[in-house]
Amino acid sequence: MVFALFGAGLLLWSARCVMRNVPVAQHAGPVAAVIVTACGAISLLVGVWCFLRV
């Protein structure tokens, strides 16, 4: 459950930053947004996978 909540929150936060053209971290370039989005998606997928295994 923690992976799913973390992944969903991270995806929402990074999407909001990208849509508002705000960096995802202080002094971070556009590559950081891609990394954060990928980490959020992976966490969400792991959370869903864990739910399906139970």
N, C-alpha and C. Protein backbone atom coordinates (compact mmCIF):
# COMPACT_ATOMS: atom_id res chain seq x y z
N MET A 1 0.82 -1.18 0.00
CA MET A 1 0.00 0.00 0.00
C MET A 1 0.87 1.26 0.00
N VAL A 2 1.98 1.19 0.70
CA VAL A 2 2.86 2.35 0.78
C VAL A 2 3.43 2.68 -0.60
N PHE A 3 3.81 1.66 -1.36
CA PHE A 3 4.35 1.90 -2.69
C PHE A 3 3.30 2.58 -3.58
N ALA A 4 2.06 2.12 -3.51
CA ALA A 4 1.01 2.69 -4.34
C ALA A 4 0.73 4.14 -3.96
N LEU A 5 0.66 4.43 -2.68
CA LEU A 5 0.41 5.81 -2.24
C LEU A 5 1.58 6.72 -2.60
N PHE A 6 2.79 6.25 -2.36
CA PHE A 6 3.97 7.04 -2.70
C PHE A 6 4.05 7.29 -4.20
N GLY A 7 3.83 6.24 -4.99
CA GLY A 7 3.90 6.37 -6.44
C GLY A 7 2.85 7.33 -6.98
N ALA A 8 1.62 7.20 -6.48
CA ALA A 8 0.56 8.09 -6.94
C ALA A 8 0.84 9.54 -6.55
N GLY A 9 1.29 9.74 -5.33
CA GLY A 9 1.61 11.10 -4.88
C GLY A 9 2.75 11.71 -5.67
N LEU A 10 3.76 10.91 -5.93
CA LEU A 10 4.92 11.40 -6.69
C LEU A 10 4.54 11.73 -8.13
N LEU A 11 3.69 10.90 -8.73
CA LEU A 11 3.25 11.18 -10.09
C LEU A 11 2.41 12.45 -10.15
N LEU A 12 1.50 12.62 -9.20
CA LEU A 12 0.67 13.84 -9.18
C LEU A 12 1.53 15.08 -8.98
N TRP A 13 2.47 15.02 -8.06
CA TRP A 13 3.33 16.16 -7.76
C TRP A 13 4.20 16.52 -8.96
N SER A 14 4.81 15.51 -9.58
CA SER A 14 5.69 15.79 -10.71
C SER A 14 4.89 16.28 -11.92
N ALA A 15 3.70 15.75 -12.13
CA ALA A 15 2.86 16.23 -13.23
C ALA A 15 2.46 17.68 -13.02
N ARG A 16 2.16 18.03 -11.78
CA ARG A 16 1.79 19.42 -11.48
C ARG A 16 2.98 20.36 -11.72
N CYS A 17 4.16 19.94 -11.31
CA CYS A 17 5.36 20.77 -11.54
C CYS A 17 5.64 20.94 -13.02
N VAL A 18 5.50 19.87 -13.78
CA VAL A 18 5.78 19.94 -15.21
C VAL A 18 4.75 20.82 -15.91
N MET A 19 3.48 20.70 -15.54
CA MET A 19 2.44 21.50 -16.19
C MET A 19 2.58 22.98 -15.86
N ARG A 20 3.09 23.30 -14.67
CA ARG A 20 3.27 24.70 -14.29
C ARG A 20 4.65 25.23 -14.69
N ASN A 21 5.47 24.38 -15.31
CA ASN A 21 6.82 24.73 -15.74
C ASN A 21 7.68 25.16 -14.56
N VAL A 22 7.58 24.41 -13.47
CA VAL A 22 8.34 24.65 -12.25
C VAL A 22 9.31 23.47 -12.08
N PRO A 23 10.54 23.71 -11.68
CA PRO A 23 11.46 22.57 -11.49
C PRO A 23 10.98 21.67 -10.35
N VAL A 24 11.24 20.38 -10.47
CA VAL A 24 10.81 19.43 -9.45
C VAL A 24 11.69 19.48 -8.20
N ALA A 25 12.87 20.03 -8.34
CA ALA A 25 13.78 20.20 -7.20
C ALA A 25 14.59 21.47 -7.43
N GLN A 26 15.07 22.02 -6.36
CA GLN A 26 15.85 23.25 -6.45
C GLN A 26 17.15 23.00 -7.22
N HIS A 27 17.44 23.83 -8.19
CA HIS A 27 18.63 23.74 -9.04
C HIS A 27 18.67 22.45 -9.85
N ALA A 28 17.50 21.92 -10.20
CA ALA A 28 17.44 20.69 -10.99
C ALA A 28 17.03 21.03 -12.42
N GLY A 29 17.56 20.28 -13.34
CA GLY A 29 17.25 20.46 -14.75
C GLY A 29 16.03 19.64 -15.16
N PRO A 30 15.72 19.65 -16.44
CA PRO A 30 14.55 18.91 -16.93
C PRO A 30 14.72 17.39 -16.82
N VAL A 31 15.93 16.92 -16.73
CA VAL A 31 16.15 15.47 -16.59
C VAL A 31 15.60 14.98 -15.25
N ALA A 32 15.64 15.83 -14.24
CA ALA A 32 15.13 15.45 -12.92
C ALA A 32 13.64 15.13 -12.97
N ALA A 33 12.89 15.86 -13.80
CA ALA A 33 11.45 15.59 -13.92
C ALA A 33 11.21 14.21 -14.51
N VAL A 34 12.03 13.82 -15.47
CA VAL A 34 11.90 12.50 -16.07
C VAL A 34 12.22 11.41 -15.04
N ILE A 35 13.26 11.62 -14.26
CA ILE A 35 13.66 10.64 -13.25
C ILE A 35 12.58 10.52 -12.17
N VAL A 36 12.05 11.64 -11.72
CA VAL A 36 11.01 11.62 -10.68
C VAL A 36 9.76 10.94 -11.21
N THR A 37 9.38 11.23 -12.44
CA THR A 37 8.19 10.60 -13.02
C THR A 37 8.39 9.10 -13.17
N ALA A 38 9.57 8.68 -13.60
CA ALA A 38 9.85 7.26 -13.74
C ALA A 38 9.82 6.55 -12.39
N CYS A 39 10.38 7.18 -11.36
CA CYS A 39 10.34 6.58 -10.01
C CYS A 39 8.92 6.48 -9.50
N GLY A 40 8.11 7.48 -9.76
CA GLY A 40 6.71 7.44 -9.34
C GLY A 40 5.95 6.33 -10.04
N ALA A 41 6.17 6.19 -11.34
CA ALA A 41 5.48 5.16 -12.10
C ALA A 41 5.91 3.77 -11.65
N ILE A 42 7.19 3.58 -11.40
CA ILE A 42 7.68 2.28 -10.93
C ILE A 42 7.11 1.96 -9.56
N SER A 43 7.07 2.94 -8.67
CA SER A 43 6.51 2.70 -7.33
C SER A 43 5.03 2.35 -7.41
N LEU A 44 4.30 3.05 -8.28
CA LEU A 44 2.88 2.75 -8.43
C LEU A 44 2.68 1.36 -9.00
N LEU A 45 3.49 0.98 -9.97
CA LEU A 45 3.38 -0.37 -10.54
C LEU A 45 3.73 -1.45 -9.52
N VAL A 46 4.73 -1.22 -8.70
CA VAL A 46 5.08 -2.19 -7.65
C VAL A 46 3.94 -2.31 -6.64
N GLY A 47 3.34 -1.18 -6.29
CA GLY A 47 2.20 -1.22 -5.36
C GLY A 47 1.02 -1.99 -5.92
N VAL A 48 0.71 -1.78 -7.19
CA VAL A 48 -0.39 -2.50 -7.82
C VAL A 48 -0.04 -3.98 -7.92
N TRP A 49 1.20 -4.29 -8.25
CA TRP A 49 1.62 -5.68 -8.32
C TRP A 49 1.48 -6.36 -6.96
N CYS A 50 1.85 -5.65 -5.89
CA CYS A 50 1.71 -6.22 -4.54
C CYS A 50 0.25 -6.47 -4.19
N PHE A 51 -0.64 -5.54 -4.59
CA PHE A 51 -2.07 -5.75 -4.34
C PHE A 51 -2.60 -6.97 -5.07
N LEU A 52 -2.13 -7.18 -6.29
CA LEU A 52 -2.61 -8.31 -7.08
C LEU A 52 -2.05 -9.64 -6.59
N ARG A 53 -0.93 -9.63 -5.91
CA ARG A 53 -0.32 -10.87 -5.40
C ARG A 53 -1.01 -11.37 -4.14
N VAL A 54 -1.72 -10.50 -3.45
CA VAL A 54 -2.34 -10.89 -2.18
C VAL A 54 -3.63 -11.62 -2.44
